[in-house]
PDB file of all heavy atoms in Angstrom:
ATOM      1  N   TRP A   1     110.471 149.048 -99.096  1.00  0.00           N
ATOM      2  CA  TRP A   1     111.070 147.995 -98.321  1.00  0.00           C
ATOM      3  C   TRP A   1     112.657 148.333 -98.160  1.00  0.00           C
ATOM      4  O   TRP A   1     113.235 148.776 -99.172  1.00  0.00           O
ATOM      5  CB  TRP A   1     110.923 146.659 -98.915  1.00  0.00           C
ATOM      6  CG  TRP A   1     109.594 146.123 -99.070  1.00  0.00           C
ATOM      7  CD1 TRP A   1     108.700 146.401 -99.973  1.00  0.00           C
ATOM      8  CD2 TRP A   1     108.928 145.370 -98.018  1.00  0.00           C
ATOM      9  NE1 TRP A   1     107.425 145.769 -99.692  1.00  0.00           N
ATOM     10  CE2 TRP A   1     107.546 145.104 -98.495  1.00  0.00           C
ATOM     11  CE3 TRP A   1     109.414 144.752 -96.894  1.00  0.00           C
ATOM     12  CZ2 TRP A   1     106.692 144.323 -97.745  1.00  0.00           C
ATOM     13  CZ3 TRP A   1     108.432 143.957 -96.071  1.00  0.00           C
ATOM     14  CH2 TRP A   1     107.147 143.745 -96.593  1.00  0.00           C
ATOM     15  N   ILE A   2     113.271 148.057 -97.003  1.00  0.00           N
ATOM     16  CA  ILE A   2     114.631 148.346 -96.758  1.00  0.00           C
ATOM     17  C   ILE A   2     115.312 146.930 -96.653  1.00  0.00           C
ATOM     18  O   ILE A   2     115.012 146.125 -95.821  1.00  0.00           O
ATOM     19  CB  ILE A   2     114.890 149.137 -95.490  1.00  0.00           C
ATOM     20  CG1 ILE A   2     114.161 150.521 -95.588  1.00  0.00           C
ATOM     21  CG2 ILE A   2     116.398 149.466 -95.325  1.00  0.00           C
ATOM     22  CD1 ILE A   2     114.463 151.330 -96.679  1.00  0.00           C
ATOM     23  N   LEU A   3     116.170 146.635 -97.602  1.00  0.00           N
ATOM     24  CA  LEU A   3     116.905 145.351 -97.652  1.00  0.00           C
ATOM     25  C   LEU A   3     118.250 145.412 -97.125  1.00  0.00           C
ATOM     26  O   LEU A   3     119.054 146.251 -97.400  1.00  0.00           O
ATOM     27  CB  LEU A   3     116.856 144.924 -99.162  1.00  0.00           C
ATOM     28  CG  LEU A   3     117.653 143.622 -99.486  1.00  0.00           C
ATOM     29  CD1 LEU A   3     116.889 142.417 -98.796  1.00  0.00           C
ATOM     30  CD2 LEU A   3     117.735 143.461-101.032  1.00  0.00           C
ATOM     31  N   ASN A   4     118.571 144.503 -96.215  1.00  0.00           N
ATOM     32  CA  ASN A   4     119.851 144.238 -95.720  1.00  0.00           C
ATOM     33  C   ASN A   4     120.277 142.775 -95.693  1.00  0.00           C
ATOM     34  O   ASN A   4     119.400 141.905 -95.573  1.00  0.00           O
ATOM     35  CB  ASN A   4     119.962 144.724 -94.228  1.00  0.00           C
ATOM     36  CG  ASN A   4     119.959 146.279 -94.101  1.00  0.00           C
ATOM     37  OD1 ASN A   4     121.063 146.862 -94.414  1.00  0.00           O
ATOM     38  ND2 ASN A   4     118.833 146.950 -93.871  1.00  0.00           N
ATOM     39  N   GLY A   5     121.508 142.532 -95.830  1.00  0.00           N
ATOM     40  CA  GLY A   5     122.047 141.217 -95.926  1.00  0.00           C
ATOM     41  C   GLY A   5     123.029 140.983 -97.025  1.00  0.00           C
ATOM     42  O   GLY A   5     123.603 141.883 -97.624  1.00  0.00           O
ATOM     43  N   ASN A   6     123.270 139.698 -97.338  1.00  0.00           N
ATOM     44  CA  ASN A   6     124.121 139.357 -98.453  1.00  0.00           C
ATOM     45  C   ASN A   6     123.827 138.060 -99.028  1.00  0.00           C
ATOM     46  O   ASN A   6     123.217 137.184 -98.394  1.00  0.00           O
ATOM     47  CB  ASN A   6     125.607 139.414 -98.027  1.00  0.00           C
ATOM     48  CG  ASN A   6     125.980 138.413 -96.990  1.00  0.00           C
ATOM     49  OD1 ASN A   6     125.334 138.137 -96.049  1.00  0.00           O
ATOM     50  ND2 ASN A   6     127.073 137.715 -97.269  1.00  0.00           N
ATOM     51  N   LYS A   7     124.193 137.861-100.284  1.00  0.00           N
ATOM     52  CA  LYS A   7     123.983 136.646-101.015  1.00  0.00           C
ATOM     53  C   LYS A   7     125.424 136.130-101.527  1.00  0.00           C
ATOM     54  O   LYS A   7     126.159 136.938-101.857  1.00  0.00           O
ATOM     55  CB  LYS A   7     123.052 136.838-102.182  1.00  0.00           C
ATOM     56  CG  LYS A   7     121.638 137.284-101.746  1.00  0.00           C
ATOM     57  CD  LYS A   7     120.917 136.069-100.980  1.00  0.00           C
ATOM     58  CE  LYS A   7     119.477 136.510-100.594  1.00  0.00           C
ATOM     59  NZ  LYS A   7     118.813 135.362 -99.949  1.00  0.00           N
ATOM     60  N   ARG A   8     125.464 134.829-101.675  1.00  0.00           N
ATOM     61  CA  ARG A   8     126.748 134.262-102.081  1.00  0.00           C
ATOM     62  C   ARG A   8     126.628 133.333-103.322  1.00  0.00           C
ATOM     63  O   ARG A   8     125.482 132.829-103.548  1.00  0.00           O
ATOM     64  CB  ARG A   8     127.504 133.536-101.031  1.00  0.00           C
ATOM     65  CG  ARG A   8     128.946 133.256-101.225  1.00  0.00           C
ATOM     66  CD  ARG A   8     129.681 132.904-100.022  1.00  0.00           C
ATOM     67  NE  ARG A   8     131.140 133.141-100.120  1.00  0.00           N
ATOM     68  CZ  ARG A   8     131.906 133.047 -99.194  1.00  0.00           C
ATOM     69  NH1 ARG A   8     131.558 132.500 -97.930  1.00  0.00           N
ATOM     70  NH2 ARG A   8     133.271 133.256 -99.392  1.00  0.00           N
ATOM     71  N   TRP A   9     127.705 133.200-104.061  1.00  0.00           N
ATOM     72  CA  TRP A   9     127.705 132.328-105.181  1.00  0.00           C
ATOM     73  C   TRP A   9     126.816 132.779-106.316  1.00  0.00           C
ATOM     74  O   TRP A   9     126.090 131.884-106.961  1.00  0.00           O
ATOM     75  CB  TRP A   9     127.341 130.856-104.850  1.00  0.00           C
ATOM     76  CG  TRP A   9     128.036 130.282-103.654  1.00  0.00           C
ATOM     77  CD1 TRP A   9     127.413 129.848-102.523  1.00  0.00           C
ATOM     78  CD2 TRP A   9     129.462 130.225-103.415  1.00  0.00           C
ATOM     79  NE1 TRP A   9     128.430 129.403-101.654  1.00  0.00           N
ATOM     80  CE2 TRP A   9     129.632 129.644-102.079  1.00  0.00           C
ATOM     81  CE3 TRP A   9     130.568 130.571-104.114  1.00  0.00           C
ATOM     82  CZ2 TRP A   9     130.868 129.346-101.556  1.00  0.00           C
ATOM     83  CZ3 TRP A   9     131.860 130.269-103.638  1.00  0.00           C
ATOM     84  CH2 TRP A   9     131.923 129.682-102.353  1.00  0.00           C
ATOM     85  N   ILE A  10     126.770 134.075-106.576  1.00  0.00           N
ATOM     86  CA  ILE A  10     125.754 134.568-107.612  1.00  0.00           C
ATOM     87  C   ILE A  10     126.431 134.715-108.907  1.00  0.00           C
ATOM     88  O   ILE A  10     127.456 135.358-109.156  1.00  0.00           O
ATOM     89  CB  ILE A  10     125.215 135.936-107.180  1.00  0.00           C
ATOM     90  CG1 ILE A  10     124.711 135.857-105.675  1.00  0.00           C
ATOM     91  CG2 ILE A  10     124.224 136.412-108.124  1.00  0.00           C
ATOM     92  CD1 ILE A  10     123.694 134.896-105.445  1.00  0.00           C
ATOM     93  N   THR A  11     125.926 133.885-109.810  1.00  0.00           N
ATOM     94  CA  THR A  11     126.520 133.747-111.245  1.00  0.00           C
ATOM     95  C   THR A  11     126.250 134.934-112.044  1.00  0.00           C
ATOM     96  O   THR A  11     125.177 135.520-112.011  1.00  0.00           O
ATOM     97  CB  THR A  11     125.867 132.496-111.936  1.00  0.00           C
ATOM     98  OG1 THR A  11     126.022 131.320-111.006  1.00  0.00           O
ATOM     99  CG2 THR A  11     126.656 132.202-113.238  1.00  0.00           C
ATOM    100  N   ASN A  12     127.201 135.343-112.729  1.00  0.00           N
ATOM    101  CA  ASN A  12     127.196 136.588-113.619  1.00  0.00           C
ATOM    102  C   ASN A  12     126.986 137.869-112.784  1.00  0.00           C
ATOM    103  O   ASN A  12     126.483 138.866-113.317  1.00  0.00           O
ATOM    104  CB  ASN A  12     126.187 136.499-114.747  1.00  0.00           C
ATOM    105  CG  ASN A  12     126.708 135.535-115.768  1.00  0.00           C
ATOM    106  OD1 ASN A  12     127.852 135.092-115.857  1.00  0.00           O
ATOM    107  ND2 ASN A  12     125.805 135.133-116.738  1.00  0.00           N
ATOM    108  N   ALA A  13     127.270 137.845-111.512  1.00  0.00           N
ATOM    109  CA  ALA A  13     127.209 139.089-110.660  1.00  0.00           C
ATOM    110  C   ALA A  13     128.250 140.109-111.241  1.00  0.00           C
ATOM    111  O   ALA A  13     129.406 139.676-111.482  1.00  0.00           O
ATOM    112  CB  ALA A  13     127.456 138.770-109.247  1.00  0.00           C
ATOM    113  N   GLY A  14     127.806 141.273-111.191  1.00  0.00           N
ATOM    114  CA  GLY A  14     128.623 142.299-111.827  1.00  0.00           C
ATOM    115  C   GLY A  14     128.460 142.577-113.281  1.00  0.00           C
ATOM    116  O   GLY A  14     128.819 143.577-113.877  1.00  0.00           O
ATOM    117  N   ILE A  15     127.827 141.509-113.984  1.00  0.00           N
ATOM    118  CA  ILE A  15     127.522 141.632-115.290  1.00  0.00           C
ATOM    119  C   ILE A  15     126.071 141.999-115.551  1.00  0.00           C
ATOM    120  O   ILE A  15     125.683 142.692-116.368  1.00  0.00           O
ATOM    121  CB  ILE A  15     127.867 140.301-116.079  1.00  0.00           C
ATOM    122  CG1 ILE A  15     129.414 139.967-115.974  1.00  0.00           C
ATOM    123  CG2 ILE A  15     127.461 140.398-117.544  1.00  0.00           C
ATOM    124  CD1 ILE A  15     130.292 141.036-116.627  1.00  0.00           C
ATOM    125  N   SER A  16     125.245 141.319-114.761  1.00  0.00           N
ATOM    126  CA  SER A  16     123.790 141.507-114.754  1.00  0.00           C
ATOM    127  C   SER A  16     123.425 142.865-114.334  1.00  0.00           C
ATOM    128  O   SER A  16     124.052 143.526-113.385  1.00  0.00           O
ATOM    129  CB  SER A  16     123.124 140.464-113.957  1.00  0.00           C
ATOM    130  OG  SER A  16     123.177 139.209-114.540  1.00  0.00           O
ATOM    131  N   LYS A  17     122.347 143.358-114.935  1.00  0.00           N
ATOM    132  CA  LYS A  17     121.809 144.667-114.540  1.00  0.00           C
ATOM    133  C   LYS A  17     120.715 144.530-113.383  1.00  0.00           C
ATOM    134  O   LYS A  17     120.567 145.464-112.628  1.00  0.00           O
ATOM    135  CB  LYS A  17     121.184 145.374-115.742  1.00  0.00           C
ATOM    136  CG  LYS A  17     120.624 146.803-115.485  1.00  0.00           C
ATOM    137  CD  LYS A  17     120.189 147.436-116.739  1.00  0.00           C
ATOM    138  CE  LYS A  17     119.545 148.788-116.494  1.00  0.00           C
ATOM    139  NZ  LYS A  17     119.113 149.412-117.794  1.00  0.00           N
ATOM    140  N   TYR A  18     120.066 143.349-113.457  1.00  0.00           N
ATOM    141  CA  TYR A  18     119.083 143.070-112.418  1.00  0.00           C
ATOM    142  C   TYR A  18     119.249 141.878-111.795  1.00  0.00           C
ATOM    143  O   TYR A  18     119.912 140.831-112.243  1.00  0.00           O
ATOM    144  CB  TYR A  18     117.758 143.116-113.213  1.00  0.00           C
ATOM    145  CG  TYR A  18     117.293 144.292-113.897  1.00  0.00           C
ATOM    146  CD1 TYR A  18     117.148 144.220-115.300  1.00  0.00           C
ATOM    147  CD2 TYR A  18     117.211 145.486-113.219  1.00  0.00           C
ATOM    148  CE1 TYR A  18     116.868 145.436-116.075  1.00  0.00           C
ATOM    149  CE2 TYR A  18     116.968 146.630-114.027  1.00  0.00           C
ATOM    150  CZ  TYR A  18     116.679 146.583-115.312  1.00  0.00           C
ATOM    151  OH  TYR A  18     116.337 147.785-116.054  1.00  0.00           O
ATOM    152  N   TYR A  19     118.784 141.732-110.462  1.00  0.00           N
ATOM    153  CA  TYR A  19     118.929 140.472-109.625  1.00  0.00           C
ATOM    154  C   TYR A  19     117.638 140.187-109.017  1.00  0.00           C
ATOM    155  O   TYR A  19     116.963 141.052-108.350  1.00  0.00           O
ATOM    156  CB  TYR A  19     119.943 140.797-108.547  1.00  0.00           C
ATOM    157  CG  TYR A  19     121.324 141.102-109.053  1.00  0.00           C
ATOM    158  CD1 TYR A  19     121.618 142.402-109.495  1.00  0.00           C
ATOM    159  CD2 TYR A  19     122.367 140.146-109.254  1.00  0.00           C
ATOM    160  CE1 TYR A  19     122.862 142.745-110.037  1.00  0.00           C
ATOM    161  CE2 TYR A  19     123.559 140.396-109.821  1.00  0.00           C
ATOM    162  CZ  TYR A  19     123.792 141.721-110.215  1.00  0.00           C
ATOM    163  OH  TYR A  19     125.037 142.039-110.742  1.00  0.00           O
ATOM    164  N   THR A  20     117.125 138.935-109.120  1.00  0.00           N
ATOM    165  CA  THR A  20     115.931 138.431-108.473  1.00  0.00           C
ATOM    166  C   THR A  20     116.445 137.995-107.017  1.00  0.00           C
ATOM    167  O   THR A  20     117.235 137.001-106.885  1.00  0.00           O
ATOM    168  CB  THR A  20     115.293 137.329-109.193  1.00  0.00           C
ATOM    169  OG1 THR A  20     114.947 137.763-110.422  1.00  0.00           O
ATOM    170  CG2 THR A  20     114.097 136.875-108.376  1.00  0.00           C
ATOM    171  N   VAL A  21     116.176 138.636-105.995  1.00  0.00           N
ATOM    172  CA  VAL A  21     116.640 138.398-104.638  1.00  0.00           C
ATOM    173  C   VAL A  21     115.585 137.957-103.740  1.00  0.00           C
ATOM    174  O   VAL A  21     114.486 138.558-103.606  1.00  0.00           O
ATOM    175  CB  VAL A  21     117.316 139.741-104.127  1.00  0.00           C
ATOM    176  CG1 VAL A  21     117.869 139.457-102.677  1.00  0.00           C
ATOM    177  CG2 VAL A  21     118.353 140.243-105.008  1.00  0.00           C
ATOM    178  N   MET A  22     115.836 136.829-103.001  1.00  0.00           N
ATOM    179  CA  MET A  22     114.949 136.372-102.046  1.00  0.00           C
ATOM    180  C   MET A  22     115.352 136.873-100.650  1.00  0.00           C
ATOM    181  O   MET A  22     116.579 136.801-100.297  1.00  0.00           O
ATOM    182  CB  MET A  22     114.937 134.784-101.997  1.00  0.00           C
ATOM    183  CG  MET A  22     114.691 134.186-103.327  1.00  0.00           C
ATOM    184  SD  MET A  22     113.069 134.613-104.007  1.00  0.00           S
ATOM    185  CE  MET A  22     113.293 134.090-105.742  1.00  0.00           C
ATOM    186  N   ALA A  23     114.423 137.352 -99.860  1.00  0.00           N
ATOM    187  CA  ALA A  23     114.745 137.886 -98.509  1.00  0.00           C
ATOM    188  C   ALA A  23     113.590 137.610 -97.612  1.00  0.00           C
ATOM    189  O   ALA A  23     112.417 137.534 -98.054  1.00  0.00           O
ATOM    190  CB  ALA A  23     115.035 139.415 -98.613  1.00  0.00           C
ATOM    191  N   SER A  24     113.819 137.536 -96.327  1.00  0.00           N
ATOM    192  CA  SER A  24     112.806 137.265 -95.348  1.00  0.00           C
ATOM    193  C   SER A  24     112.075 138.642 -94.950  1.00  0.00           C
ATOM    194  O   SER A  24     112.742 139.678 -94.629  1.00  0.00           O
ATOM    195  CB  SER A  24     113.394 136.736 -94.034  1.00  0.00           C
ATOM    196  OG  SER A  24     112.420 136.583 -93.099  1.00  0.00           O
ATOM    197  N   THR A  25     110.767 138.577 -95.094  1.00  0.00           N
ATOM    198  CA  THR A  25     109.989 139.750 -94.728  1.00  0.00           C
ATOM    199  C   THR A  25     109.187 139.513 -93.417  1.00  0.00           C
ATOM    200  O   THR A  25     108.657 140.398 -92.833  1.00  0.00           O
ATOM    201  CB  THR A  25     108.964 140.166 -95.833  1.00  0.00           C
ATOM    202  OG1 THR A  25     108.319 139.086 -96.283  1.00  0.00           O
ATOM    203  CG2 THR A  25     109.728 140.734 -97.016  1.00  0.00           C
ATOM    204  N   ASP A  26     109.176 138.264 -93.003  1.00  0.00           N
ATOM    205  CA  ASP A  26     108.557 137.899 -91.714  1.00  0.00           C
ATOM    206  C   ASP A  26     109.266 136.596 -91.244  1.00  0.00           C
ATOM    207  O   ASP A  26     108.832 135.583 -91.473  1.00  0.00           O
ATOM    208  CB  ASP A  26     107.078 137.731 -91.928  1.00  0.00           C
ATOM    209  CG  ASP A  26     106.274 137.526 -90.515  1.00  0.00           C
ATOM    210  OD1 ASP A  26     107.022 137.284 -89.526  1.00  0.00           O
ATOM    211  OD2 ASP A  26     105.103 137.619 -90.553  1.00  0.00           O
ATOM    212  N   PRO A  27     110.406 136.795 -90.480  1.00  0.00           N
ATOM    213  CA  PRO A  27     111.179 135.596 -90.085  1.00  0.00           C
ATOM    214  C   PRO A  27     110.392 134.524 -89.233  1.00  0.00           C
ATOM    215  O   PRO A  27     110.723 133.358 -89.262  1.00  0.00           O
ATOM    216  CB  PRO A  27     112.261 136.305 -89.197  1.00  0.00           C
ATOM    217  CG  PRO A  27     112.425 137.695 -89.658  1.00  0.00           C
ATOM    218  CD  PRO A  27     110.931 138.047 -90.062  1.00  0.00           C
ATOM    219  N   GLU A  28     109.399 135.085 -88.488  1.00  0.00           N
ATOM    220  CA  GLU A  28     108.570 134.144 -87.717  1.00  0.00           C
ATOM    221  C   GLU A  28     107.861 133.042 -88.501  1.00  0.00           C
ATOM    222  O   GLU A  28     107.451 131.978 -88.061  1.00  0.00           O
ATOM    223  CB  GLU A  28     107.655 134.839 -86.697  1.00  0.00           C
ATOM    224  CG  GLU A  28     108.418 135.679 -85.696  1.00  0.00           C
ATOM    225  CD  GLU A  28     107.359 136.396 -84.816  1.00  0.00           C
ATOM    226  OE1 GLU A  28     106.119 136.158 -84.992  1.00  0.00           O
ATOM    227  OE2 GLU A  28     107.767 137.105 -83.907  1.00  0.00           O
ATOM    228  N   LYS A  29     107.592 133.391 -89.790  1.00  0.00           N
ATOM    229  CA  LYS A  29     106.864 132.392 -90.704  1.00  0.00           C
ATOM    230  C   LYS A  29     107.741 131.497 -91.425  1.00  0.00           C
ATOM    231  O   LYS A  29     107.226 130.660 -92.165  1.00  0.00           O
ATOM    232  CB  LYS A  29     105.975 133.332 -91.553  1.00  0.00           C
ATOM    233  CG  LYS A  29     104.901 133.957 -90.945  1.00  0.00           C
ATOM    234  CD  LYS A  29     103.944 134.723 -91.986  1.00  0.00           C
ATOM    235  CE  LYS A  29     102.891 135.355 -91.380  1.00  0.00           C
ATOM    236  NZ  LYS A  29     102.016 136.210 -92.402  1.00  0.00           N
ATOM    237  N   GLY A  30     109.078 131.535 -91.175  1.00  0.00           N
ATOM    238  CA  GLY A  30     110.011 130.641 -91.976  1.00  0.00           C
ATOM    239  C   GLY A  30     109.825 130.867 -93.472  1.00  0.00           C
ATOM    240  O   GLY A  30     109.824 131.999 -93.957  1.00  0.00           O
ATOM    241  N   PRO A  31     109.789 129.721 -94.195  1.00  0.00           N
ATOM    242  CA  PRO A  31     109.812 129.909 -95.647  1.00  0.00           C
ATOM    243  C   PRO A  31     108.553 130.716 -96.095  1.00  0.00           C
ATOM    244  O   PRO A  31     108.620 131.374 -97.253  1.00  0.00           O
ATOM    245  CB  PRO A  31     109.646 128.333 -96.105  1.00  0.00           C
ATOM    246  CG  PRO A  31     110.316 127.608 -94.996  1.00  0.00           C
ATOM    247  CD  PRO A  31     109.865 128.367 -93.752  1.00  0.00           C
ATOM    248  N   LYS A  32     107.405 130.622 -95.380  1.00  0.00           N
ATOM    249  CA  LYS A  32     106.194 131.400 -95.779  1.00  0.00           C
ATOM    250  C   LYS A  32     106.365 132.905 -95.541  1.00  0.00           C
ATOM    251  O   LYS A  32     105.491 133.721 -95.925  1.00  0.00           O
ATOM    252  CB  LYS A  32     105.018 130.833 -95.045  1.00  0.00           C
ATOM    253  CG  LYS A  32     104.674 129.478 -95.498  1.00  0.00           C
ATOM    254  CD  LYS A  32     103.406 128.950 -94.787  1.00  0.00           C
ATOM    255  CE  LYS A  32     103.034 127.530 -95.153  1.00  0.00           C
ATOM    256  NZ  LYS A  32     101.826 127.021 -94.541  1.00  0.00           N
ATOM    257  N   GLY A  33     107.525 133.213 -94.897  1.00  0.00           N
ATOM    258  CA  GLY A  33     107.754 134.776 -94.717  1.00  0.00           C
ATOM    259  C   GLY A  33     108.873 135.208 -95.596  1.00  0.00           C
ATOM    260  O   GLY A  33     109.459 136.272 -95.350  1.00  0.00           O
ATOM    261  N   ILE A  34     109.179 134.500 -96.743  1.00  0.00           N
ATOM    262  CA  ILE A  34     110.166 134.938 -97.565  1.00  0.00           C
ATOM    263  C   ILE A  34     109.528 135.543 -98.874  1.00  0.00           C
ATOM    264  O   ILE A  34     108.470 135.075 -99.360  1.00  0.00           O
ATOM    265  CB  ILE A  34     111.061 133.701 -98.128  1.00  0.00           C
ATOM    266  CG1 ILE A  34     111.907 133.297 -96.889  1.00  0.00           C
ATOM    267  CG2 ILE A  34     111.910 134.108 -99.259  1.00  0.00           C
ATOM    268  CD1 ILE A  34     112.703 131.934 -97.182  1.00  0.00           C
ATOM    269  N   SER A  35     110.032 136.648 -99.294  1.00  0.00           N
ATOM    270  CA  SER A  35     109.569 137.420-100.419  1.00  0.00           C
ATOM    271  C   SER A  35     110.633 137.570-101.465  1.00  0.00           C
ATOM    272  O   SER A  35     111.810 137.513-101.165  1.00  0.00           O
ATOM    273  CB  SER A  35     108.899 138.774-100.006  1.00  0.00           C
ATOM    274  OG  SER A  35     107.897 138.616 -99.052  1.00  0.00           O
TER     275      SER A  35
END
């Protein structure tokens, strides 16, 4: 998967080694197209 975009207000960003990121994989499905 190729991820593009940005997220804001991420707590402990730059300290954490891993990030659980929500992104749209099918925009036409709205919330049901988020992975």
